């Protein structure tokens, strides 16, 4: 054990050298007596398990994980040993005043998206949940490495206490993540906020306008494709962001600077992004005239009353109430009015989601255009299974999700399986997918 590299939470990180090979490594240490409960230990063990399964040049190589009884130093210690990556963090480069050329900015975007594409493309996907400048190290070659997987989440593992622990760093953490829900698109938000900070030298929170969106003017010096990418990655609504790192890369490759690809919508927070299969054939049936069967009605009711829908609807209400609190602290009738209206707005959004959302889903089924989609992934939680799908309308690819509690039905699904999709003829990106016959 050598130099202390970092300290935070309940652990420390030291530089060290392997005796047998002389290889420089990093040892992350957790002391059992320092933790207030068992959750940090479970998170530490999860980090070791996930790191042991990863193999990518943009992620430190995992070497070993073990525990040791050290009575003279306070009892049981847990350790994770990994490759030591030499180089400054992106945060240190920002502090030093580094500037990037347009080509360098695009290269950094591509390299980091490649890392996320690898993590999110695993089955089940791996979500980092704490992407920020201090967790990106730049090798001597300039290639970025994503470090500190202490907040990592394996989407195959539900929250230990029934929900997801809120982990992340304010300013870089996606809005839905603060509500305890994170998926691949939450990592994309963190990446967008991180790169916006790097390329503007302003903290992400200072870049937000009244709608909580990063101001385009703050990124005007960037190439159009990079600017549109960062604006798309940092949309408040996760369905308005690129739905995967692969889609984000398409923005960089587009001839119009990404304007035709942002926003990309239709999926849900909590999606387990799997390998994307090509979208299926086009229209199967004309609009209108479908009978709403009891099985379909039940499936749509379950989908539109799930907590994810409520959480998404409450984001603006929470933002409004937060602004009200700030306004009330500094004084003024507007702030007090916002604070007073906050609870009523929350109730209204819940009712709107339960009844308005259910009505819209039923209308899409009975009157929308039916196309055949393809299953692209699934994520099973404690209350049911989200099934992600993609479909094509006139050559444009869209995505969405279905939700079911029918374990027998879910067991028969696999990536590439067909699924019935009903979309709005005036807005093909709005759809419902139906698993029931």
Protein backbone atom coordinates (compact mmCIF):
# COMPACT_ATOMS: atom_id res chain seq x y z
CA UNK A 1 0.00 0.00 0.00
CA UNK A 2 1.41 3.33 -1.03
CA UNK A 3 0.21 6.83 -1.77
CA UNK A 4 -3.33 7.76 -0.76
CA UNK A 5 -5.04 8.67 -4.04
CA UNK A 6 -8.49 9.46 -2.76
CA UNK A 7 -10.88 9.24 0.14
CA UNK A 8 -14.65 9.54 0.28
CA UNK A 9 -17.78 7.94 1.64
CA UNK A 10 -16.63 4.91 3.61
CA UNK A 11 -13.51 3.96 1.69
CA UNK A 12 -10.02 4.94 0.63
CA UNK A 13 -8.06 4.41 -2.57
CA UNK A 14 -4.31 3.73 -2.47
CA UNK A 15 -1.58 3.31 -5.04
CA UNK A 16 0.23 -0.02 -4.70
CA UNK A 17 2.53 -2.43 -6.50
CA UNK A 18 2.02 -6.14 -7.12
CA UNK A 19 4.96 -7.97 -5.51
CA UNK A 20 5.17 -10.73 -8.12
CA UNK A 21 5.16 -8.57 -11.26
CA UNK A 22 5.96 -5.05 -10.10
CA UNK A 23 2.82 -3.82 -11.85
CA UNK A 24 1.44 -0.54 -10.47
CA UNK A 25 -2.14 -0.97 -9.30
CA UNK A 26 -4.90 0.79 -7.40
CA UNK A 27 -6.41 -0.72 -4.25
CA UNK A 28 -9.84 0.41 -3.13
CA UNK A 29 -10.42 -0.30 0.57
CA UNK A 30 -13.60 -0.48 2.65
CA UNK A 31 -13.43 -0.84 6.44
CA UNK A 32 -16.43 -2.67 7.86
CA UNK A 33 -16.51 -0.77 11.16
CA UNK A 34 -16.88 2.55 9.33
CA UNK A 35 -20.13 1.72 7.54
CA UNK A 36 -23.48 2.58 9.18
CA UNK A 37 -25.31 -0.39 7.67
CA UNK A 38 -24.76 -3.27 5.27
CA UNK A 39 -25.71 -1.41 2.08
CA UNK A 40 -22.22 0.06 1.39
CA UNK A 41 -20.80 -3.46 1.69
CA UNK A 42 -23.36 -4.80 -0.75
CA UNK A 43 -22.55 -1.96 -3.16
CA UNK A 44 -18.81 -2.66 -2.79
CA UNK A 45 -19.35 -6.35 -3.54
CA UNK A 46 -21.53 -5.44 -6.53
CA UNK A 47 -18.78 -3.17 -7.86
CA UNK A 48 -16.25 -6.01 -7.60
CA UNK A 49 -18.59 -8.47 -9.30
CA UNK A 50 -19.35 -6.11 -12.19
CA UNK A 51 -15.72 -5.05 -12.68
CA UNK A 52 -14.67 -8.70 -12.79
CA UNK A 53 -16.93 -9.25 -15.79
CA UNK A 54 -15.73 -6.24 -17.83
CA UNK A 55 -13.03 -6.19 -20.49
CA UNK A 56 -12.58 -2.92 -22.39
CA UNK A 57 -9.63 -0.60 -23.03
CA UNK A 58 -11.68 2.30 -21.69
CA UNK A 59 -12.22 0.63 -18.29
CA UNK A 60 -9.48 -0.19 -15.73
CA UNK A 61 -8.58 -3.88 -15.82
CA UNK A 62 -9.89 -5.78 -12.79
CA UNK A 63 -7.24 -7.85 -10.97
CA UNK A 64 -8.65 -9.17 -7.70
CA UNK A 65 -11.17 -8.68 -4.90
CA UNK A 66 -10.76 -10.06 -1.38
CA UNK A 67 -11.38 -9.42 2.30
CA UNK A 68 -8.97 -9.64 5.22
CA UNK A 69 -9.24 -9.68 9.01
CA UNK A 70 -6.92 -7.00 10.39
CA UNK A 71 -7.66 -6.70 14.09
CA UNK A 72 -4.88 -4.19 14.72
CA UNK A 73 -6.49 -1.86 12.18
CA UNK A 74 -10.13 -2.17 13.12
CA UNK A 75 -11.37 -5.57 11.94
CA UNK A 76 -12.55 -6.74 8.53
CA UNK A 77 -11.36 -4.86 5.42
CA UNK A 78 -12.68 -5.34 1.88
CA UNK A 79 -10.45 -4.69 -1.13
CA UNK A 80 -10.72 -4.28 -4.89
CA UNK A 81 -7.47 -4.31 -6.89
CA UNK A 82 -7.41 -2.92 -10.42
CA UNK A 83 -5.08 -1.50 -13.05
CA UNK A 84 -3.66 1.92 -12.29
CA UNK A 85 -4.36 4.34 -15.12
CA UNK A 86 -1.82 7.16 -15.31
CA UNK A 87 -2.92 10.57 -16.49
CA UNK A 88 -4.94 13.60 -15.42
CA UNK A 89 -8.67 13.47 -14.87
CA UNK A 90 -10.93 15.43 -17.17
CA UNK A 91 -11.78 17.53 -14.12
CA UNK A 92 -8.11 18.42 -13.63
CA UNK A 93 -7.82 19.36 -17.29
CA UNK A 94 -10.81 21.69 -16.96
CA UNK A 95 -9.27 23.29 -13.87
CA UNK A 96 -5.99 23.76 -15.76
CA UNK A 97 -7.86 25.67 -18.46
CA UNK A 98 -7.46 23.18 -21.30
CA UNK A 99 -9.21 23.97 -24.58
CA UNK A 100 -10.24 21.45 -27.22
CA UNK A 101 -10.33 21.86 -30.96
CA UNK A 102 -13.47 20.77 -32.80
CA UNK A 103 -11.80 17.55 -33.94
CA UNK A 104 -10.53 16.81 -30.42
CA UNK A 105 -14.01 17.43 -28.96
CA UNK A 106 -15.60 15.03 -31.43
CA UNK A 107 -12.91 12.39 -30.82
CA UNK A 108 -13.48 12.59 -27.06
CA UNK A 109 -17.25 12.23 -27.55
CA UNK A 110 -16.78 9.19 -29.76
CA UNK A 111 -14.36 7.48 -27.39
CA UNK A 112 -16.61 7.93 -24.36
CA UNK A 113 -19.71 6.84 -26.27
CA UNK A 114 -17.83 3.70 -27.30
CA UNK A 115 -17.27 2.88 -23.62
CA UNK A 116 -20.95 3.40 -22.80
CA UNK A 117 -21.99 1.41 -25.86
CA UNK A 118 -19.96 -1.50 -24.50
CA UNK A 119 -21.39 -1.24 -20.97
CA UNK A 120 -24.99 -0.77 -22.08
CA UNK A 121 -24.73 -3.47 -24.74
CA UNK A 122 -23.93 -6.18 -22.20
CA UNK A 123 -26.72 -8.56 -21.21
CA UNK A 124 -27.83 -7.47 -18.71
CA UNK A 125 -26.66 -3.87 -19.23
CA UNK A 126 -24.30 -2.16 -16.79
CA UNK A 127 -25.16 1.40 -15.74
CA UNK A 128 -22.34 3.54 -14.28
CA UNK A 129 -24.60 6.19 -12.65
CA UNK A 130 -21.83 8.64 -11.73
CA UNK A 131 -20.30 9.99 -14.92
CA UNK A 132 -18.53 13.28 -14.23
CA UNK A 133 -15.18 14.93 -15.08
CA UNK A 134 -13.39 13.50 -12.03
CA UNK A 135 -14.34 9.95 -13.05
CA UNK A 136 -12.72 10.19 -16.48
CA UNK A 137 -8.93 9.76 -16.71
CA UNK A 138 -7.05 10.70 -19.88
CA UNK A 139 -4.16 8.40 -20.77
CA UNK A 140 -0.96 9.84 -22.23
CA UNK A 141 -2.35 8.99 -25.68
CA UNK A 142 -5.41 11.11 -24.94
CA UNK A 143 -7.75 8.12 -24.81
CA UNK A 144 -10.31 8.42 -21.97
CA UNK A 145 -10.84 5.79 -19.29
CA UNK A 146 -14.02 5.64 -17.20
CA UNK A 147 -13.18 4.97 -13.54
CA UNK A 148 -14.88 4.64 -10.14
CA UNK A 149 -17.66 2.11 -10.53
CA UNK A 150 -18.77 2.58 -6.92
CA UNK A 151 -22.27 3.62 -8.02
CA UNK A 152 -22.55 0.95 -10.69
CA UNK A 153 -25.83 -0.89 -11.18
CA UNK A 154 -26.41 -4.22 -12.90
CA UNK A 155 -29.93 -3.97 -14.38
CA UNK A 156 -30.49 -7.66 -13.67
CA UNK A 157 -30.36 -6.94 -9.92
CA UNK A 158 -33.33 -5.12 -8.34
CA UNK A 159 -32.76 -2.69 -5.48
CA UNK A 160 -31.96 -4.52 -2.25
CA UNK A 161 -34.63 -2.68 -0.30
CA UNK A 162 -37.17 -2.72 -3.10
CA UNK A 163 -35.96 0.38 -4.93
CA UNK A 164 -32.85 1.92 -6.36
CA UNK A 165 -30.49 3.81 -4.09
CA UNK A 166 -30.08 7.39 -5.31
CA UNK A 167 -26.42 7.72 -6.24
CA UNK A 168 -24.76 10.30 -8.44
CA UNK A 169 -23.43 13.85 -8.43
CA UNK A 170 -25.71 16.92 -8.66
CA UNK A 171 -25.31 18.75 -11.94
CA UNK A 172 -24.29 15.59 -13.79
CA UNK A 173 -27.09 13.36 -12.50
CA UNK A 174 -30.13 12.96 -14.76
CA UNK A 175 -33.45 14.26 -13.37
CA UNK A 176 -35.03 10.80 -13.23
CA UNK A 177 -32.00 9.51 -11.33
CA UNK A 178 -32.80 11.85 -8.45
CA UNK A 179 -36.13 10.01 -8.22
CA UNK A 180 -34.32 6.69 -7.78
CA UNK A 181 -34.63 5.52 -11.39
CA UNK A 182 -31.73 5.24 -13.80
CA UNK A 183 -31.09 3.47 -17.07
CA UNK A 184 -28.67 3.76 -19.99
CA UNK A 185 -30.10 7.15 -20.93
CA UNK A 186 -29.25 8.46 -17.48
CA UNK A 187 -25.60 7.68 -18.22
CA UNK A 188 -25.97 9.51 -21.53
CA UNK A 189 -27.27 12.56 -19.66
CA UNK A 190 -24.26 12.41 -17.32
CA UNK A 191 -21.92 12.20 -20.30
CA UNK A 192 -23.61 15.16 -21.99
CA UNK A 193 -23.39 17.29 -18.85
CA UNK A 194 -19.75 16.29 -18.33
CA UNK A 195 -18.73 17.21 -21.87
CA UNK A 196 -20.74 20.44 -21.77
CA UNK A 197 -18.71 21.37 -18.67
CA UNK A 198 -15.44 20.46 -20.37
CA UNK A 199 -16.13 22.39 -23.57
CA UNK A 200 -17.65 25.49 -21.94
CA UNK A 201 -15.66 25.60 -18.66
CA UNK A 202 -18.95 26.22 -16.85
CA UNK A 203 -20.58 23.86 -14.36
CA UNK A 204 -23.67 22.19 -15.89
CA UNK A 205 -26.01 23.76 -13.35
CA UNK A 206 -24.95 27.24 -14.53
CA UNK A 207 -25.72 26.31 -18.15
CA UNK A 208 -29.42 25.55 -17.60
CA UNK A 209 -32.17 27.84 -18.84
CA UNK A 210 -35.66 28.25 -17.34
CA UNK A 211 -36.79 24.94 -18.89
CA UNK A 212 -33.84 23.13 -17.24
CA UNK A 213 -32.25 22.61 -20.67
CA UNK A 214 -28.63 23.54 -21.43
CA UNK A 215 -28.49 26.84 -23.33
CA UNK A 216 -27.44 26.27 -26.94
CA UNK A 217 -25.55 29.59 -26.93
CA UNK A 218 -23.11 28.25 -24.34
CA UNK A 219 -21.96 25.60 -26.85
CA UNK A 220 -22.02 27.68 -30.01
CA UNK A 221 -18.24 27.37 -30.50
CA UNK A 222 -18.56 23.60 -31.06
CA UNK A 223 -19.10 21.84 -34.40
CA UNK A 224 -22.83 21.56 -35.11
CA UNK A 225 -22.91 17.78 -34.71
CA UNK A 226 -21.18 17.91 -31.29
CA UNK A 227 -23.41 20.76 -30.12
CA UNK A 228 -26.61 18.95 -31.16
CA UNK A 229 -25.34 15.78 -29.53
CA UNK A 230 -24.77 17.46 -26.16
CA UNK A 231 -28.11 19.25 -26.29
CA UNK A 232 -29.84 15.98 -27.11
CA UNK A 233 -28.07 14.00 -24.39
CA UNK A 234 -29.12 16.51 -21.73
CA UNK A 235 -32.86 16.71 -22.43
CA UNK A 236 -34.89 16.63 -19.20
CA UNK A 237 -37.25 13.96 -20.55
CA UNK A 238 -35.32 10.71 -21.14
CA UNK A 239 -37.58 9.82 -24.07
CA UNK A 240 -36.35 12.97 -25.86
CA UNK A 241 -32.69 11.89 -25.61
CA UNK A 242 -30.93 9.45 -27.90
CA UNK A 243 -32.06 6.05 -26.67
CA UNK A 244 -28.62 4.44 -26.84
CA UNK A 245 -24.97 5.30 -27.34
CA UNK A 246 -25.29 3.92 -30.88
CA UNK A 247 -28.02 6.45 -31.68
CA UNK A 248 -25.86 9.18 -30.15
CA UNK A 249 -23.04 8.24 -32.52
CA UNK A 250 -25.48 8.56 -35.43
CA UNK A 251 -25.87 12.25 -34.53
CA UNK A 252 -22.13 12.77 -34.96
CA UNK A 253 -22.26 10.98 -38.32
CA UNK A 254 -25.31 12.82 -39.68
CA UNK A 255 -24.90 15.24 -42.56
CA UNK A 256 -27.17 17.90 -41.06
CA UNK A 257 -25.34 18.15 -37.76
CA UNK A 258 -27.78 15.88 -35.97
CA UNK A 259 -30.83 18.14 -36.28
CA UNK A 260 -32.95 15.41 -37.87
CA UNK A 261 -32.07 12.94 -35.11
CA UNK A 262 -32.68 15.04 -31.97
CA UNK A 263 -34.90 14.50 -30.14
CA UNK A 264 -35.35 10.75 -30.45
CA UNK A 265 -38.29 9.53 -28.41
CA UNK A 266 -40.58 6.76 -27.42
CA UNK A 267 -38.85 4.64 -24.80
CA UNK A 268 -39.05 4.67 -21.01
CA UNK A 269 -36.87 5.34 -18.00
CA UNK A 270 -35.72 1.97 -16.65
CA UNK A 271 -35.22 0.37 -20.07
CA UNK A 272 -32.65 -2.38 -20.33
CA UNK A 273 -31.00 -1.52 -23.64
CA UNK A 274 -30.04 -4.69 -25.47
CA UNK A 275 -28.57 -5.27 -28.92
CA UNK A 276 -30.87 -3.50 -31.36
CA UNK A 277 -32.38 -5.67 -34.07
CA UNK A 278 -33.54 -4.13 -37.36
CA UNK A 279 -37.06 -2.77 -37.26
CA UNK A 280 -39.77 -5.04 -38.61
CA UNK A 281 -42.07 -4.62 -41.59
CA UNK A 282 -44.44 -1.69 -41.99
CA UNK A 283 -48.16 -1.24 -41.63
CA UNK A 284 -50.19 -4.34 -40.89
CA UNK A 285 -53.64 -2.83 -40.52
CA UNK A 286 -55.44 0.47 -41.23
CA UNK A 287 -56.43 2.78 -38.42
CA UNK A 288 -59.58 2.40 -36.35
CA UNK A 289 -62.21 -0.21 -35.63
CA UNK A 290 -60.38 -2.46 -33.17
CA UNK A 291 -62.16 -3.98 -30.24
CA UNK A 292 -60.56 -3.38 -26.85
CA UNK A 293 -60.43 -6.89 -25.37
CA UNK A 294 -60.29 -7.42 -21.60
CA UNK A 295 -56.72 -8.78 -21.87
CA UNK A 296 -55.47 -5.75 -23.80
CA UNK A 297 -57.37 -3.33 -21.55
CA UNK A 298 -55.75 -4.86 -18.47
CA UNK A 299 -52.26 -4.70 -19.98
CA UNK A 300 -52.66 -1.03 -20.93
CA UNK A 301 -54.04 -0.18 -17.47
CA UNK A 302 -51.02 -1.81 -15.78
CA UNK A 303 -48.63 0.00 -18.11
CA UNK A 304 -50.07 3.49 -17.59
CA UNK A 305 -50.39 3.21 -13.81
CA UNK A 306 -46.83 1.99 -13.22
CA UNK A 307 -44.70 4.22 -10.90
CA UNK A 308 -42.34 5.06 -13.78
CA UNK A 309 -45.14 6.97 -15.51
CA UNK A 310 -45.98 8.84 -12.32
CA UNK A 311 -42.34 9.72 -11.69
CA UNK A 312 -41.90 11.10 -15.20
CA UNK A 313 -45.05 13.19 -14.91
CA UNK A 314 -44.01 14.57 -11.53
CA UNK A 315 -40.64 15.89 -12.73
CA UNK A 316 -42.07 19.30 -13.77
CA UNK A 317 -44.13 19.48 -10.57
CA UNK A 318 -41.04 18.83 -8.43
CA UNK A 319 -39.05 21.39 -10.42
CA UNK A 320 -41.87 23.92 -10.00
CA UNK A 321 -42.05 23.31 -6.26
CA UNK A 322 -38.26 23.57 -5.92
CA UNK A 323 -38.32 26.94 -7.64
CA UNK A 324 -41.10 27.91 -5.25
CA UNK A 325 -38.96 27.01 -2.23
CA UNK A 326 -36.10 29.08 -3.61
CA UNK A 327 -38.48 31.96 -4.33
CA UNK A 328 -39.97 31.76 -0.85
CA UNK A 329 -36.50 31.87 0.71
CA UNK A 330 -35.59 35.05 -1.13
CA UNK A 331 -39.06 36.50 -0.74
CA UNK A 332 -41.73 37.48 -3.21
CA UNK A 333 -45.32 36.59 -3.96
CA UNK A 334 -44.42 34.52 -7.04
CA UNK A 335 -42.22 32.19 -5.00
CA UNK A 336 -44.88 31.79 -2.31
CA UNK A 337 -47.54 31.10 -4.94
CA UNK A 338 -45.33 28.48 -6.60
CA UNK A 339 -44.70 26.83 -3.24
CA UNK A 340 -48.39 26.76 -2.41
CA UNK A 341 -49.32 25.38 -5.81
CA UNK A 342 -46.71 22.61 -5.74
CA UNK A 343 -48.75 19.91 -3.88
CA UNK A 344 -51.83 20.59 -5.99
CA UNK A 345 -49.75 20.33 -9.15
CA UNK A 346 -48.33 16.99 -8.01
CA UNK A 347 -51.81 15.60 -7.39
CA UNK A 348 -52.96 16.91 -10.75
CA UNK A 349 -50.08 15.26 -12.60
CA UNK A 350 -50.79 11.93 -10.91
CA UNK A 351 -54.46 12.07 -11.91
CA UNK A 352 -53.53 13.22 -15.40
CA UNK A 353 -51.15 10.28 -15.80
CA UNK A 354 -53.56 7.68 -14.44
CA UNK A 355 -56.60 8.71 -16.45
CA UNK A 356 -55.28 10.77 -19.35
CA UNK A 357 -52.45 8.34 -20.07
CA UNK A 358 -54.76 5.35 -19.95
CA UNK A 359 -57.20 7.05 -22.30
CA UNK A 360 -54.44 7.91 -24.78
CA UNK A 361 -53.12 4.34 -24.71
CA UNK A 362 -56.58 2.94 -25.41
CA UNK A 363 -57.12 5.41 -28.25
CA UNK A 364 -53.82 4.43 -29.82
CA UNK A 365 -54.83 0.77 -29.71
CA UNK A 366 -58.34 1.25 -31.09
CA UNK A 367 -57.61 3.99 -33.64
CA UNK A 368 -53.86 4.00 -34.31
CA UNK A 369 -51.92 2.49 -37.19
CA UNK A 370 -50.77 -1.06 -36.47
CA UNK A 371 -47.24 -2.06 -37.44
CA UNK A 372 -45.05 -4.98 -36.53
CA UNK A 373 -42.17 -4.13 -34.22
CA UNK A 374 -39.33 -6.22 -32.86
CA UNK A 375 -38.33 -6.84 -29.24
CA UNK A 376 -34.92 -5.32 -28.46
CA UNK A 377 -34.56 -6.03 -24.75
CA UNK A 378 -36.29 -6.70 -21.45
CA UNK A 379 -35.80 -5.73 -17.83
CA UNK A 380 -37.59 -7.63 -15.08
CA UNK A 381 -38.16 -5.86 -11.78
CA UNK A 382 -40.05 -6.73 -8.64
CA UNK A 383 -43.46 -5.81 -10.04
CA UNK A 384 -43.22 -6.87 -13.67
CA UNK A 385 -41.21 -6.77 -16.90
CA UNK A 386 -40.51 -3.91 -19.27
CA UNK A 387 -40.17 -5.05 -22.88
CA UNK A 388 -38.42 -2.61 -25.22
CA UNK A 389 -39.24 -2.64 -28.92
CA UNK A 390 -38.41 -0.84 -32.13
CA UNK A 391 -40.51 -0.28 -35.24
CA UNK A 392 -40.17 1.56 -38.54
CA UNK A 393 -42.56 4.02 -40.19
CA UNK A 394 -41.65 5.20 -43.70
CA UNK A 395 -38.01 4.38 -43.13
CA UNK A 396 -37.69 6.16 -39.77
CA UNK A 397 -36.94 4.05 -36.71
CA UNK A 398 -38.82 4.62 -33.46
CA UNK A 399 -38.79 2.89 -30.09
CA UNK A 400 -41.16 2.25 -27.21
CA UNK A 401 -41.94 -0.20 -24.45
CA UNK A 402 -44.60 -2.58 -23.27
CA UNK A 403 -45.13 -3.73 -19.70
CA UNK A 404 -46.48 -7.03 -18.40
CA UNK A 405 -46.82 -9.07 -15.23
CA UNK A 406 -47.53 -12.28 -17.15
CA UNK A 407 -44.42 -14.38 -16.43
CA UNK A 408 -45.46 -17.15 -18.84
CA UNK A 409 -45.82 -14.66 -21.68
CA UNK A 410 -42.50 -12.99 -20.89
CA UNK A 411 -40.68 -16.33 -20.74
CA UNK A 412 -41.48 -16.94 -24.42
CA UNK A 413 -40.02 -13.62 -25.61
CA UNK A 414 -36.54 -13.14 -27.02
CA UNK A 415 -34.66 -10.37 -28.82
CA UNK A 416 -35.97 -10.13 -32.38
CA UNK A 417 -39.42 -11.52 -31.56
CA UNK A 418 -42.33 -9.69 -33.24
CA UNK A 419 -44.63 -7.42 -31.23
CA UNK A 420 -47.80 -5.55 -32.21
CA UNK A 421 -47.29 -1.79 -32.15
CA UNK A 422 -49.99 0.88 -32.55
CA UNK A 423 -48.81 4.40 -33.37
CA UNK A 424 -50.38 7.81 -33.82
CA UNK A 425 -50.79 8.44 -37.59
CA UNK A 426 -49.92 12.11 -37.06
CA UNK A 427 -46.96 11.42 -34.75
CA UNK A 428 -45.41 8.00 -35.50
CA UNK A 429 -43.01 8.30 -32.54
CA UNK A 430 -45.99 7.99 -30.15
CA UNK A 431 -47.02 4.38 -29.72
CA UNK A 432 -48.11 1.56 -27.46
CA UNK A 433 -46.88 -1.99 -27.76
CA UNK A 434 -49.19 -4.86 -26.90
CA UNK A 435 -48.03 -8.31 -25.81
CA UNK A 436 -51.48 -9.77 -25.19
CA UNK A 437 -53.08 -11.68 -28.07
